[in-house]
Amino acid sequence: MNHEEKEMKDQDTTASAETEVRETAESDLEAVLDEMKEETENAQEESVESVAGLKTKLEAKQKESEDYLNRLQRLQADFANHKKRVEKEKNDIYLYANEKLALSLLDSVNNLEKALACDVDGEQNKGLCDGMELVLKQLKDSLEKHGVVEIEALGKPFDMNLHHAIMKEESDAPTDEIIEVFQKGYMIHSKVLRPAMVKVAQ
């Protein structure tokens, strides 16, 4: 074998070795790429599962927070209603504390009004009537200061919330108009203390 043939053979051997190395490298590279691709896909799947899990936990926490908020709002509303109810009860106690006393004094008012409705003769009796009128006025003023006022009745339409009809009578007045008052009615603030006893037209 001459020198040229030997040199050509060496070149062929070198080329063959390079080809083998290149093929091996490409094969190894493909294996590495496949492995990286598989790892990436696995990581993506795990990431998706992790995100889904976090989303589920977040939704659960949000629902729990909403439940706490709703419960807190209900408690606040209950407390506000309780506070209003207590305030109303306190106000009612203050407003109607004298209800029984006022009701008992109305009998005295009625008796004084009946006494003053009688005809009297003589200066002495007139002086007595003047004194009774003064007492009656003072008594009514005191009751009015505590929220006790007379219920309007005569000539007014009958109202079952304010009036108590004990008689009905044929009359030229409009139907259900009050034509006579037997006993005056009174209110204490917004509450009926005693309904008016009346006669109603029919």
C-alpha atoms as a PDB file:
ATOM      1  CA  MET A   1       0.000   0.000   0.000  1.00  0.00           C
ATOM      2  CA  ASN A   2       1.516   3.251  -1.085  1.00  0.00           C
ATOM      3  CA  HIS A   3       1.404   6.477   0.817  1.00  0.00           C
ATOM      4  CA  GLU A   4      -1.574   7.926  -1.083  1.00  0.00           C
ATOM      5  CA  GLU A   5      -3.710   4.850  -0.542  1.00  0.00           C
ATOM      6  CA  LYS A   6      -2.885   4.888   3.148  1.00  0.00           C
ATOM      7  CA  GLU A   7      -3.801   8.543   3.390  1.00  0.00           C
ATOM      8  CA  MET A   8      -7.138   7.937   1.644  1.00  0.00           C
ATOM      9  CA  LYS A   9      -7.875   5.028   3.946  1.00  0.00           C
ATOM     10  CA  ASP A  10      -7.158   7.197   6.980  1.00  0.00           C
ATOM     11  CA  GLN A  11      -9.490   9.862   5.623  1.00  0.00           C
ATOM     12  CA  ASP A  12     -12.253   7.291   5.122  1.00  0.00           C
ATOM     13  CA  THR A  13     -11.740   6.012   8.651  1.00  0.00           C
ATOM     14  CA  THR A  14     -11.874   9.551  10.016  1.00  0.00           C
ATOM     15  CA  ALA A  15     -15.035  10.351   8.034  1.00  0.00           C
ATOM     16  CA  SER A  16     -16.647   7.143   9.208  1.00  0.00           C
ATOM     17  CA  ALA A  17     -15.752   7.953  12.810  1.00  0.00           C
ATOM     18  CA  GLU A  18     -17.108  11.474  12.456  1.00  0.00           C
ATOM     19  CA  THR A  19     -20.337  10.126  10.984  1.00  0.00           C
ATOM     20  CA  GLU A  20     -20.678   7.644  13.825  1.00  0.00           C
ATOM     21  CA  VAL A  21     -19.996  10.342  16.416  1.00  0.00           C
ATOM     22  CA  ARG A  22     -22.498  12.687  14.748  1.00  0.00           C
ATOM     23  CA  GLU A  23     -25.173   9.982  14.608  1.00  0.00           C
ATOM     24  CA  THR A  24     -24.515   9.073  18.228  1.00  0.00           C
ATOM     25  CA  ALA A  25     -24.703  12.742  19.240  1.00  0.00           C
ATOM     26  CA  GLU A  26     -27.921  13.242  17.292  1.00  0.00           C
ATOM     27  CA  SER A  27     -29.407  10.123  18.876  1.00  0.00           C
ATOM     28  CA  ASP A  28     -28.393  11.288  22.338  1.00  0.00           C
ATOM     29  CA  LEU A  29     -29.761  14.763  21.582  1.00  0.00           C
ATOM     30  CA  GLU A  30     -33.092  13.313  20.467  1.00  0.00           C
ATOM     31  CA  ALA A  31     -33.237  11.218  23.632  1.00  0.00           C
ATOM     32  CA  VAL A  32     -32.506  14.276  25.755  1.00  0.00           C
ATOM     33  CA  LEU A  33     -35.118  16.319  23.865  1.00  0.00           C
ATOM     34  CA  ASP A  34     -37.700  13.553  24.266  1.00  0.00           C
ATOM     35  CA  GLU A  35     -36.919  13.343  27.966  1.00  0.00           C
ATOM     36  CA  MET A  36     -37.161  17.133  28.330  1.00  0.00           C
ATOM     37  CA  LYS A  37     -40.442  17.138  26.402  1.00  0.00           C
ATOM     38  CA  GLU A  38     -41.858  14.425  28.648  1.00  0.00           C
ATOM     39  CA  GLU A  39     -40.711  16.253  31.771  1.00  0.00           C
ATOM     40  CA  THR A  40     -42.231  19.493  30.439  1.00  0.00           C
ATOM     41  CA  GLU A  41     -45.553  17.777  29.728  1.00  0.00           C
ATOM     42  CA  ASN A  42     -45.545  16.198  33.191  1.00  0.00           C
ATOM     43  CA  ALA A  43     -44.710  19.552  34.742  1.00  0.00           C
ATOM     44  CA  GLN A  44     -47.539  21.199  32.794  1.00  0.00           C
ATOM     45  CA  GLU A  45     -49.991  18.529  33.923  1.00  0.00           C
ATOM     46  CA  GLU A  46     -48.851  18.934  37.524  1.00  0.00           C
ATOM     47  CA  SER A  47     -49.103  22.709  37.142  1.00  0.00           C
ATOM     48  CA  VAL A  48     -52.660  22.434  35.769  1.00  0.00           C
ATOM     49  CA  GLU A  49     -53.610  20.109  38.614  1.00  0.00           C
ATOM     50  CA  SER A  50     -51.966  22.461  41.115  1.00  0.00           C
ATOM     51  CA  VAL A  51     -53.793  25.502  39.689  1.00  0.00           C
ATOM     52  CA  ALA A  52     -57.092  23.604  39.729  1.00  0.00           C
ATOM     53  CA  GLY A  53     -56.489  22.624  43.338  1.00  0.00           C
ATOM     54  CA  LEU A  54     -55.631  26.193  44.308  1.00  0.00           C
ATOM     55  CA  LYS A  55     -58.726  27.460  42.485  1.00  0.00           C
ATOM     56  CA  THR A  56     -60.915  24.977  44.377  1.00  0.00           C
ATOM     57  CA  LYS A  57     -59.387  26.023  47.697  1.00  0.00           C
ATOM     58  CA  LEU A  58     -59.803  29.699  46.792  1.00  0.00           C
ATOM     59  CA  GLU A  59     -63.480  29.188  45.919  1.00  0.00           C
ATOM     60  CA  ALA A  60     -64.013  27.345  49.204  1.00  0.00           C
ATOM     61  CA  LYS A  61     -62.371  30.190  51.144  1.00  0.00           C
ATOM     62  CA  GLN A  62     -64.432  32.772  49.264  1.00  0.00           C
ATOM     63  CA  LYS A  63     -67.638  30.900  50.106  1.00  0.00           C
ATOM     64  CA  GLU A  64     -66.544  30.650  53.731  1.00  0.00           C
ATOM     65  CA  SER A  65     -65.829  34.399  53.781  1.00  0.00           C
ATOM     66  CA  GLU A  66     -69.254  35.134  52.263  1.00  0.00           C
ATOM     67  CA  ASP A  67     -70.897  32.942  54.914  1.00  0.00           C
ATOM     68  CA  TYR A  68     -69.071  34.827  57.675  1.00  0.00           C
ATOM     69  CA  LEU A  69     -70.029  38.166  56.095  1.00  0.00           C
ATOM     70  CA  ASN A  70     -73.703  37.170  55.799  1.00  0.00           C
ATOM     71  CA  ARG A  71     -73.708  35.960  59.392  1.00  0.00           C
ATOM     72  CA  LEU A  72     -72.113  39.205  60.549  1.00  0.00           C
ATOM     73  CA  GLN A  73     -74.647  41.274  58.605  1.00  0.00           C
ATOM     74  CA  ARG A  74     -77.521  39.286  60.128  1.00  0.00           C
ATOM     75  CA  LEU A  75     -76.087  39.797  63.605  1.00  0.00           C
ATOM     76  CA  GLN A  76     -75.714  43.525  62.949  1.00  0.00           C
ATOM     77  CA  ALA A  77     -79.314  43.724  61.683  1.00  0.00           C
ATOM     78  CA  ASP A  78     -80.583  41.754  64.701  1.00  0.00           C
ATOM     79  CA  PHE A  79     -78.660  44.016  67.054  1.00  0.00           C
ATOM     80  CA  ALA A  80     -79.979  47.157  65.322  1.00  0.00           C
ATOM     81  CA  ASN A  81     -83.562  45.838  65.553  1.00  0.00           C
ATOM     82  CA  HIS A  82     -83.048  44.921  69.206  1.00  0.00           C
ATOM     83  CA  LYS A  83     -81.667  48.388  69.917  1.00  0.00           C
ATOM     84  CA  LYS A  84     -84.656  50.035  68.195  1.00  0.00           C
ATOM     85  CA  ARG A  85     -87.064  47.795  70.101  1.00  0.00           C
ATOM     86  CA  VAL A  86     -85.428  48.638  73.432  1.00  0.00           C
ATOM     87  CA  GLU A  87     -85.499  52.358  72.597  1.00  0.00           C
ATOM     88  CA  LYS A  88     -89.189  52.123  71.661  1.00  0.00           C
ATOM     89  CA  GLU A  89     -89.989  50.270  74.877  1.00  0.00           C
ATOM     90  CA  LYS A  90     -88.140  52.924  76.881  1.00  0.00           C
ATOM     91  CA  ASN A  91     -90.008  55.691  75.064  1.00  0.00           C
ATOM     92  CA  ASP A  92     -93.329  53.907  75.571  1.00  0.00           C
ATOM     93  CA  ILE A  93     -92.619  53.534  79.285  1.00  0.00           C
ATOM     94  CA  TYR A  94     -91.879  57.255  79.468  1.00  0.00           C
ATOM     95  CA  LEU A  95     -94.880  58.269  77.347  1.00  0.00           C
ATOM     96  CA  TYR A  96     -97.445  55.991  78.957  1.00  0.00           C
ATOM     97  CA  ALA A  97     -96.149  55.893  82.533  1.00  0.00           C
ATOM     98  CA  ASN A  98     -99.108  58.031  83.667  1.00  0.00           C
ATOM     99  CA  GLU A  99    -101.723  56.135  81.654  1.00  0.00           C
ATOM    100  CA  LYS A 100    -103.501  54.552  84.646  1.00  0.00           C
ATOM    101  CA  LEU A 101    -103.417  57.783  86.631  1.00  0.00           C
ATOM    102  CA  ALA A 102    -104.790  59.763  83.682  1.00  0.00           C
ATOM    103  CA  LEU A 103    -107.555  57.212  83.150  1.00  0.00           C
ATOM    104  CA  SER A 104    -108.619  57.459  86.791  1.00  0.00           C
ATOM    105  CA  LEU A 105    -108.630  61.278  86.626  1.00  0.00           C
ATOM    106  CA  LEU A 106    -111.005  61.208  83.662  1.00  0.00           C
ATOM    107  CA  ASP A 107    -113.803  60.138  86.008  1.00  0.00           C
ATOM    108  CA  SER A 108    -113.247  63.332  87.989  1.00  0.00           C
ATOM    109  CA  VAL A 109    -113.296  65.339  84.762  1.00  0.00           C
ATOM    110  CA  ASN A 110    -116.606  63.720  83.785  1.00  0.00           C
ATOM    111  CA  ASN A 111    -118.166  64.429  87.177  1.00  0.00           C
ATOM    112  CA  LEU A 112    -117.093  68.067  87.129  1.00  0.00           C
ATOM    113  CA  GLU A 113    -118.459  68.517  83.604  1.00  0.00           C
ATOM    114  CA  LYS A 114    -121.790  66.959  84.617  1.00  0.00           C
ATOM    115  CA  ALA A 115    -122.004  69.173  87.679  1.00  0.00           C
ATOM    116  CA  LEU A 116    -121.313  72.286  85.616  1.00  0.00           C
ATOM    117  CA  ALA A 117    -123.966  71.255  83.079  1.00  0.00           C
ATOM    118  CA  CYS A 118    -126.704  71.632  85.719  1.00  0.00           C
ATOM    119  CA  ASP A 119    -128.633  74.896  86.028  1.00  0.00           C
ATOM    120  CA  VAL A 120    -127.832  76.787  89.207  1.00  0.00           C
ATOM    121  CA  ASP A 121    -129.398  79.856  90.790  1.00  0.00           C
ATOM    122  CA  GLY A 122    -127.961  82.413  93.145  1.00  0.00           C
ATOM    123  CA  GLU A 123    -124.660  84.168  93.551  1.00  0.00           C
ATOM    124  CA  GLN A 124    -123.381  81.560  95.972  1.00  0.00           C
ATOM    125  CA  ASN A 125    -123.987  78.745  93.526  1.00  0.00           C
ATOM    126  CA  LYS A 126    -122.473  80.823  90.719  1.00  0.00           C
ATOM    127  CA  GLY A 127    -119.323  81.302  92.766  1.00  0.00           C
ATOM    128  CA  LEU A 128    -119.191  77.572  93.389  1.00  0.00           C
ATOM    129  CA  CYS A 129    -119.562  76.894  89.664  1.00  0.00           C
ATOM    130  CA  ASP A 130    -116.786  79.358  88.857  1.00  0.00           C
ATOM    131  CA  GLY A 131    -114.517  77.523  91.277  1.00  0.00           C
ATOM    132  CA  MET A 132    -115.414  74.175  89.747  1.00  0.00           C
ATOM    133  CA  GLU A 133    -114.732  75.523  86.253  1.00  0.00           C
ATOM    134  CA  LEU A 134    -111.309  76.683  87.393  1.00  0.00           C
ATOM    135  CA  VAL A 135    -110.537  73.271  88.901  1.00  0.00           C
ATOM    136  CA  LEU A 136    -111.750  71.559  85.723  1.00  0.00           C
ATOM    137  CA  LYS A 137    -109.569  73.795  83.546  1.00  0.00           C
ATOM    138  CA  GLN A 138    -106.502  73.165  85.698  1.00  0.00           C
ATOM    139  CA  LEU A 139    -107.159  69.435  85.629  1.00  0.00           C
ATOM    140  CA  LYS A 140    -107.516  69.394  81.839  1.00  0.00           C
ATOM    141  CA  ASP A 141    -104.385  71.521  81.424  1.00  0.00           C
ATOM    142  CA  SER A 142    -102.414  69.093  83.590  1.00  0.00           C
ATOM    143  CA  LEU A 143    -103.668  66.126  81.590  1.00  0.00           C
ATOM    144  CA  GLU A 144    -102.841  67.863  78.320  1.00  0.00           C
ATOM    145  CA  LYS A 145     -99.273  68.518  79.494  1.00  0.00           C
ATOM    146  CA  HIS A 146     -98.905  64.755  79.844  1.00  0.00           C
ATOM    147  CA  GLY A 147    -100.232  64.085  76.343  1.00  0.00           C
ATOM    148  CA  VAL A 148    -103.898  63.484  77.207  1.00  0.00           C
ATOM    149  CA  VAL A 149    -106.208  65.132  74.654  1.00  0.00           C
ATOM    150  CA  GLU A 150    -109.918  64.881  73.913  1.00  0.00           C
ATOM    151  CA  ILE A 151    -111.043  62.843  70.889  1.00  0.00           C
ATOM    152  CA  GLU A 152    -113.160  64.843  68.463  1.00  0.00           C
ATOM    153  CA  ALA A 153    -116.510  63.169  68.014  1.00  0.00           C
ATOM    154  CA  LEU A 154    -119.650  65.288  67.546  1.00  0.00           C
ATOM    155  CA  GLY A 155    -120.321  65.867  63.850  1.00  0.00           C
ATOM    156  CA  LYS A 156    -117.408  63.639  62.834  1.00  0.00           C
ATOM    157  CA  PRO A 157    -117.607  60.376  60.844  1.00  0.00           C
ATOM    158  CA  PHE A 158    -117.684  57.326  63.080  1.00  0.00           C
ATOM    159  CA  ASP A 159    -114.259  55.701  63.510  1.00  0.00           C
ATOM    160  CA  MET A 160    -114.255  52.349  65.265  1.00  0.00           C
ATOM    161  CA  ASN A 161    -110.668  52.973  66.384  1.00  0.00           C
ATOM    162  CA  LEU A 162    -111.675  56.133  68.269  1.00  0.00           C
ATOM    163  CA  HIS A 163    -115.387  55.819  68.973  1.00  0.00           C
ATOM    164  CA  HIS A 164    -117.698  53.269  70.543  1.00  0.00           C
ATOM    165  CA  ALA A 165    -121.241  53.370  69.135  1.00  0.00           C
ATOM    166  CA  ILE A 166    -123.824  52.444  71.747  1.00  0.00           C
ATOM    167  CA  MET A 167    -126.842  53.674  69.762  1.00  0.00           C
ATOM    168  CA  LYS A 168    -127.968  54.259  66.181  1.00  0.00           C
ATOM    169  CA  GLU A 169    -130.795  56.562  65.224  1.00  0.00           C
ATOM    170  CA  GLU A 170    -132.599  57.739  62.112  1.00  0.00           C
ATOM    171  CA  SER A 171    -131.375  61.243  61.348  1.00  0.00           C
ATOM    172  CA  ASP A 172    -131.075  63.878  58.646  1.00  0.00           C
ATOM    173  CA  ALA A 173    -127.321  63.761  59.225  1.00  0.00           C
ATOM    174  CA  PRO A 174    -125.144  61.694  56.862  1.00  0.00           C
ATOM    175  CA  THR A 175    -124.972  57.990  57.594  1.00  0.00           C
ATOM    176  CA  ASP A 176    -122.415  57.079  60.283  1.00  0.00           C
ATOM    177  CA  GLU A 177    -122.027  60.680  61.422  1.00  0.00           C
ATOM    178  CA  ILE A 178    -121.863  61.080  65.197  1.00  0.00           C
ATOM    179  CA  ILE A 179    -124.934  63.008  66.340  1.00  0.00           C
ATOM    180  CA  GLU A 180    -124.526  62.762  70.123  1.00  0.00           C
ATOM    181  CA  VAL A 181    -121.717  62.120  72.607  1.00  0.00           C
ATOM    182  CA  PHE A 182    -122.617  60.321  75.832  1.00  0.00           C
ATOM    183  CA  GLN A 183    -119.103  60.226  77.209  1.00  0.00           C
ATOM    184  CA  LYS A 184    -116.037  62.019  75.883  1.00  0.00           C
ATOM    185  CA  GLY A 185    -113.104  59.978  74.671  1.00  0.00           C
ATOM    186  CA  TYR A 186    -109.430  60.725  75.226  1.00  0.00           C
ATOM    187  CA  MET A 187    -106.066  59.799  73.761  1.00  0.00           C
ATOM    188  CA  ILE A 188    -102.688  59.737  75.448  1.00  0.00           C
ATOM    189  CA  HIS A 189    -100.147  60.633  72.777  1.00  0.00           C
ATOM    190  CA  SER A 190    -100.932  58.257  69.872  1.00  0.00           C
ATOM    191  CA  LYS A 191    -102.814  55.684  71.964  1.00  0.00           C
ATOM    192  CA  VAL A 192    -106.536  55.618  72.727  1.00  0.00           C
ATOM    193  CA  LEU A 193    -106.932  56.026  76.463  1.00  0.00           C
ATOM    194  CA  ARG A 194    -110.711  55.770  76.379  1.00  0.00           C
ATOM    195  CA  PRO A 195    -112.977  55.678  73.298  1.00  0.00           C
ATOM    196  CA  ALA A 196    -115.824  58.152  73.015  1.00  0.00           C
ATOM    197  CA  MET A 197    -119.295  56.727  73.724  1.00  0.00           C
ATOM    198  CA  VAL A 198    -121.512  58.012  70.919  1.00  0.00           C
ATOM    199  CA  LYS A 199    -124.805  57.865  69.037  1.00  0.00           C
ATOM    200  CA  VAL A 200    -124.506  57.409  65.268  1.00  0.00           C
ATOM    201  CA  ALA A 201    -126.858  58.445  62.472  1.00  0.00           C
ATOM    202  CA  GLN A 202    -128.255  55.775  60.178  1.00  0.00           C
END
